[in-house]
C-alpha cells in the first residue's frame, strides 16, 4: 500500500512540475508590479478582500490547489491551444474551458458580484492574478500537438527539462533575483503613457501577443542543449511579459474597484 501511495505522490509531483504556469517567482512579480499601479481606492478594497494575502503572495494559489481533486476541473483554465495562422475566435474551444474564457468570466463575476464559477470574491481575485500572468507566458497560448512545449525535451545548463518549464521558471530563476528585485527592476522604466497603452488592450489582444511570440521560443533548431545564449536572446521578452501582465492586472482591478 505504501508503495502505491509513494508512486501516486511521485506522479502527482511530476504532473505539478510540468503543468505549472509562470513559476512562483514569476507570478509574484506580476502581483508585485500590479500593486505599484493600483489606485489608492482599489488598493484598499483589494487588501480588505484578500485579508491574509497580498497580490504578490496570492498569485500562486491556482497552482497550489492543483493537487486537490476538488479543483482538477480547473486545470485547462491555465492555457489555451490555438493553431498557427488561426485566431481564438476561429479555433476549436476546449469544453472544459481555457485561460481566455476564464479571465473573461472572472471579470464578469467580479463586476456583478454574482459568483457562480468561483467560490467567492477572494477566490476570484486570486484566480485573476494567476490567470493574467498565465496568458502572458507565450507557451500558455500554445500548440496542442506539443502541449505548449511540455513535450519538447531540452537541456538547460546540462539539466534535463522541457521547453515549457524553461519559460515558466528556468529563464526567470536564472536571473537569481528575488521577486521584489526583479519587480523593481522591470517597473522602473514603465512610463504613465505606456501604462495607458497597455491597459487599453483586451484579454484577447494579450493572447494574440503571446501567440505571436511563441515561435521565437523554438529558435534553437536541433540544438537541444541551451544556456547563456538562449537566455540572452529571451530575457527581455520574459521581462516585458511580466511587466505587461502586472500593469494590465492593475488596470482590471482599478476598473473594478478604483
Protein backbone atom coordinates (compact mmCIF):
# COMPACT_ATOMS: atom_id res chain seq x y z
CA UNK A 1 0.00 0.00 0.00
CA UNK A 2 2.85 2.36 0.89
CA UNK A 3 4.43 1.57 -2.47
CA UNK A 4 1.24 2.53 -4.29
CA UNK A 5 0.94 5.75 -2.29
CA UNK A 6 4.56 6.66 -2.96
CA UNK A 7 4.11 6.07 -6.68
CA UNK A 8 1.00 8.26 -6.69
CA UNK A 9 2.86 11.06 -4.91
CA UNK A 10 5.72 10.91 -7.40
CA UNK A 11 3.30 11.01 -10.35
CA UNK A 12 1.46 13.94 -8.75
CA UNK A 13 4.68 15.86 -8.25
CA UNK A 14 5.72 15.26 -11.85
CA UNK A 15 2.31 16.48 -13.04
CA UNK A 16 2.53 19.60 -10.93
CA UNK A 17 6.00 20.39 -12.27
CA UNK A 18 5.01 20.05 -15.91
CA UNK A 19 1.65 21.79 -15.65
CA UNK A 20 2.60 24.95 -13.79
CA UNK A 21 2.44 28.39 -15.35
CA UNK A 22 4.99 31.12 -14.54
CA UNK A 23 6.86 29.64 -11.60
CA UNK A 24 6.42 31.07 -8.08
CA UNK A 25 8.80 33.96 -8.75
CA UNK A 26 7.10 34.98 -11.99
CA UNK A 27 3.60 35.07 -10.51
CA UNK A 28 4.84 37.04 -7.51
CA UNK A 29 6.49 39.56 -9.84
CA UNK A 30 3.18 40.05 -11.68
CA UNK A 31 1.33 40.71 -8.42
CA UNK A 32 4.10 42.96 -7.11
CA UNK A 33 4.18 45.10 -10.26
CA UNK A 34 0.37 45.33 -10.24
CA UNK A 35 0.50 46.59 -6.65
CA UNK A 36 2.59 49.57 -7.78
CA UNK A 37 -0.07 50.64 -10.29
CA UNK A 38 -3.25 50.35 -8.20
CA UNK A 39 -5.24 53.42 -7.27
CA UNK A 40 -5.48 54.08 -3.53
CA UNK A 41 -9.15 53.12 -3.57
CA UNK A 42 -8.56 49.87 -5.44
CA UNK A 43 -5.58 49.00 -3.24
CA UNK A 44 -7.60 49.47 -0.07
CA UNK A 45 -10.53 47.41 -1.35
CA UNK A 46 -8.38 44.57 -2.69
CA UNK A 47 -6.47 44.35 0.59
CA UNK A 48 -9.76 44.16 2.51
CA UNK A 49 -10.98 41.29 0.32
CA UNK A 50 -7.74 39.30 0.30
CA UNK A 51 -7.42 39.53 4.10
CA UNK A 52 -4.46 37.23 4.73
CA UNK A 53 -2.81 37.65 1.32
CA UNK A 54 -1.20 40.32 -0.84
CA UNK A 55 -1.36 40.47 -4.62
CA UNK A 56 2.17 39.12 -4.91
CA UNK A 57 1.58 36.24 -2.49
CA UNK A 58 -1.79 35.08 -3.82
CA UNK A 59 -0.64 34.65 -7.42
CA UNK A 60 0.44 31.04 -6.98
CA UNK A 61 -2.76 29.87 -5.31
CA UNK A 62 -4.21 28.39 -8.51
CA UNK A 63 -1.13 26.20 -8.91
CA UNK A 64 -1.06 25.15 -5.27
CA UNK A 65 -4.62 23.77 -5.39
CA UNK A 66 -4.00 21.63 -8.48
CA UNK A 67 -3.29 18.61 -6.28
CA UNK A 68 -6.77 18.89 -4.73
CA UNK A 69 -9.28 16.73 -6.60
CA UNK A 70 -11.96 19.36 -5.94
CA UNK A 71 -10.16 21.75 -8.28
CA UNK A 72 -8.85 19.45 -11.02
CA UNK A 73 -11.64 20.59 -13.34
CA UNK A 74 -9.78 23.93 -13.46
CA UNK A 75 -6.57 22.51 -14.97
CA UNK A 76 -7.44 23.56 -18.53
CA UNK A 77 -8.13 27.12 -17.38
CA UNK A 78 -4.40 27.90 -17.27
CA UNK A 79 -3.79 27.77 -21.03
CA UNK A 80 -5.33 27.83 -24.49
CA UNK A 81 -4.32 25.96 -27.64
CA UNK A 82 -4.55 27.92 -30.89
CA UNK A 83 -3.11 26.57 -34.17
CA UNK A 84 -0.64 28.64 -36.18
CA UNK A 85 -2.35 31.11 -38.50
CA UNK A 86 -5.64 30.95 -36.63
CA UNK A 87 -7.34 33.34 -34.21
CA UNK A 88 -9.02 32.27 -30.98
CA UNK A 89 -12.48 33.01 -32.36
CA UNK A 90 -11.85 30.59 -35.23
CA UNK A 91 -10.27 27.80 -33.18
CA UNK A 92 -11.96 24.81 -31.55
CA UNK A 93 -12.73 25.52 -27.91
CA UNK A 94 -11.91 23.20 -25.04
CA UNK A 95 -15.29 22.26 -23.49
CA UNK A 96 -13.59 22.31 -20.08
CA UNK A 97 -12.57 25.93 -20.54
CA UNK A 98 -9.37 27.85 -21.25
CA UNK A 99 -7.42 30.82 -19.96
CA UNK A 100 -9.16 33.39 -22.20
CA UNK A 101 -12.70 32.32 -21.31
CA UNK A 102 -11.71 32.03 -17.64
CA UNK A 103 -10.34 35.56 -17.36
CA UNK A 104 -13.38 36.97 -19.11
CA UNK A 105 -15.65 35.06 -16.71
CA UNK A 106 -13.71 36.24 -13.65
CA UNK A 107 -14.11 39.86 -14.77
CA UNK A 108 -17.86 39.41 -15.18
CA UNK A 109 -18.26 37.85 -11.73
CA UNK A 110 -16.10 40.47 -10.00
CA UNK A 111 -18.11 43.28 -11.62
CA UNK A 112 -21.55 41.78 -10.95
CA UNK A 113 -20.64 40.21 -7.57
CA UNK A 114 -22.50 37.09 -8.69
CA UNK A 115 -20.09 34.21 -8.09
CA UNK A 116 -21.21 31.14 -9.96
CA UNK A 117 -17.96 29.63 -11.27
CA UNK A 118 -15.76 30.96 -8.48
CA UNK A 119 -16.41 30.36 -4.80
CA UNK A 120 -16.31 33.96 -3.64
CA UNK A 121 -14.72 37.34 -4.33
CA UNK A 122 -11.41 36.49 -2.68
CA UNK A 123 -11.00 33.30 -4.72
CA UNK A 124 -11.92 35.17 -7.90
CA UNK A 125 -9.24 37.82 -7.33
CA UNK A 126 -6.60 35.18 -6.62
CA UNK A 127 -7.60 33.38 -9.81
CA UNK A 128 -7.45 36.64 -11.78
CA UNK A 129 -3.93 37.40 -10.55
CA UNK A 130 -2.78 33.97 -11.65
CA UNK A 131 -4.56 33.77 -15.00
CA UNK A 132 -3.48 37.24 -16.15
CA UNK A 133 0.06 36.05 -15.53
CA UNK A 134 -0.56 32.79 -17.40
CA UNK A 135 -1.89 34.36 -20.58
CA UNK A 136 1.25 36.50 -20.90
CA UNK A 137 3.53 33.45 -20.96
CA UNK A 138 3.87 32.76 -24.72
CA UNK A 139 3.66 28.97 -24.41
CA UNK A 140 0.39 29.19 -22.47
CA UNK A 141 -1.13 30.25 -25.77
CA UNK A 142 0.47 27.19 -27.27
CA UNK A 143 0.19 24.38 -29.75
CA UNK A 144 -1.87 21.35 -28.81
CA UNK A 145 0.46 18.93 -30.60
CA UNK A 146 3.36 19.50 -28.19
CA UNK A 147 1.26 20.61 -25.19
CA UNK A 148 2.62 24.14 -25.25
CA UNK A 149 6.22 22.95 -25.30
CA UNK A 150 5.81 20.42 -22.49
CA UNK A 151 6.71 17.61 -24.90
CA UNK A 152 9.81 19.39 -26.22
CA UNK A 153 12.72 17.92 -24.26
CA UNK A 154 15.80 20.12 -23.86
CA UNK A 155 18.78 20.54 -21.56
CA UNK A 156 19.19 23.74 -19.60
CA UNK A 157 22.79 24.13 -18.45
CA UNK A 158 23.09 20.35 -18.52
CA UNK A 159 19.84 19.66 -16.63
CA UNK A 160 17.05 17.80 -18.37
CA UNK A 161 13.83 19.77 -18.60
CA UNK A 162 11.27 20.81 -21.21
CA UNK A 163 10.71 24.00 -23.16
CA UNK A 164 7.53 24.94 -21.32
CA UNK A 165 9.16 24.67 -17.91
CA UNK A 166 12.07 26.75 -19.14
CA UNK A 167 9.73 29.62 -19.92
CA UNK A 168 7.74 29.14 -16.73
CA UNK A 169 10.67 29.08 -14.35
CA UNK A 170 14.18 28.40 -15.60
CA UNK A 171 14.71 31.64 -17.53
CA UNK A 172 13.43 33.67 -14.57
CA UNK A 173 15.27 31.76 -11.86
CA UNK A 174 18.49 32.01 -13.90
CA UNK A 175 18.49 35.76 -13.16
CA UNK A 176 18.96 34.89 -9.48
CA UNK A 177 16.77 37.75 -8.29
CA UNK A 178 14.00 37.81 -5.71
CA UNK A 179 10.54 38.70 -6.98
CA UNK A 180 10.88 42.17 -5.44
CA UNK A 181 14.28 42.76 -7.03
CA UNK A 182 13.03 41.67 -10.43
CA UNK A 183 9.76 43.57 -9.98
CA UNK A 184 11.57 46.80 -9.08
CA UNK A 185 13.97 46.34 -12.00
CA UNK A 186 11.28 45.97 -14.64
CA UNK A 187 8.89 48.50 -13.11
CA UNK A 188 11.34 51.40 -13.10
CA UNK A 189 11.10 52.00 -16.85
CA UNK A 190 7.32 51.87 -17.18
CA UNK A 191 6.00 55.33 -18.07
CA UNK A 192 2.45 56.61 -17.48
CA UNK A 193 1.97 56.76 -21.25
CA UNK A 194 3.00 53.10 -21.59
CA UNK A 195 0.61 52.12 -18.80
CA UNK A 196 -2.30 53.73 -20.65
CA UNK A 197 -1.42 51.97 -23.90
CA UNK A 198 -1.11 48.54 -22.29
CA UNK A 199 -4.29 48.92 -20.27
CA UNK A 200 -6.37 49.79 -23.34
CA UNK A 201 -5.88 46.29 -24.76
CA UNK A 202 -8.24 43.35 -24.24
CA UNK A 203 -7.77 39.82 -22.92
CA UNK A 204 -7.85 38.51 -26.48
CA UNK A 205 -5.20 41.04 -27.51
CA UNK A 206 -2.93 39.63 -24.79
CA UNK A 207 -3.43 36.14 -26.17
CA UNK A 208 -2.61 37.34 -29.71
CA UNK A 209 0.62 38.86 -28.41
CA UNK A 210 1.64 35.58 -26.78
CA UNK A 211 0.72 33.65 -29.91
CA UNK A 212 2.99 35.90 -32.00
CA UNK A 213 5.85 35.46 -29.53
CA UNK A 214 5.70 31.68 -29.18
CA UNK A 215 7.51 30.84 -32.45
CA UNK A 216 10.66 32.51 -31.10
CA UNK A 217 10.60 30.16 -28.11
CA UNK A 218 11.59 27.35 -30.51
CA UNK A 219 14.52 29.20 -32.08
CA UNK A 220 17.18 26.68 -31.04
CA UNK A 221 16.86 24.40 -34.10
CA UNK A 222 18.25 20.93 -33.48
CA UNK A 223 20.49 22.11 -30.66
CA UNK A 224 18.71 20.95 -27.52
CA UNK A 225 21.48 21.99 -25.11
CA UNK A 226 20.54 25.50 -24.10
CA UNK A 227 22.27 28.02 -21.88
CA UNK A 228 23.60 31.57 -21.83
CA UNK A 229 22.93 32.36 -25.49
CA UNK A 230 19.28 31.34 -25.31
CA UNK A 231 18.84 33.24 -22.05
CA UNK A 232 20.42 36.37 -23.54
CA UNK A 233 18.04 36.30 -26.52
CA UNK A 234 14.86 35.90 -24.48
CA UNK A 235 15.33 37.65 -21.13
CA UNK A 236 13.91 40.93 -22.49
CA UNK A 237 10.78 39.13 -23.70
CA UNK A 238 10.31 37.49 -20.30
CA UNK A 239 10.64 40.83 -18.54
CA UNK A 240 8.30 42.57 -20.99
CA UNK A 241 5.57 39.98 -20.49
CA UNK A 242 5.86 40.19 -16.71
CA UNK A 243 5.68 43.99 -16.95
CA UNK A 244 2.62 43.91 -19.17
CA UNK A 245 0.87 41.32 -17.03
CA UNK A 246 1.35 43.37 -13.87
CA UNK A 247 0.24 46.65 -15.43
CA UNK A 248 -2.80 45.07 -17.06
CA UNK A 249 -3.80 43.26 -13.88
CA UNK A 250 -3.72 46.60 -12.09
CA UNK A 251 -5.83 48.09 -14.87
CA UNK A 252 -8.53 45.45 -14.38
CA UNK A 253 -8.56 45.87 -10.60
CA UNK A 254 -8.67 49.67 -10.91
CA UNK A 255 -11.60 49.37 -13.30
CA UNK A 256 -13.48 47.10 -10.89
CA UNK A 257 -12.55 48.71 -7.56
CA UNK A 258 -10.97 52.08 -8.29
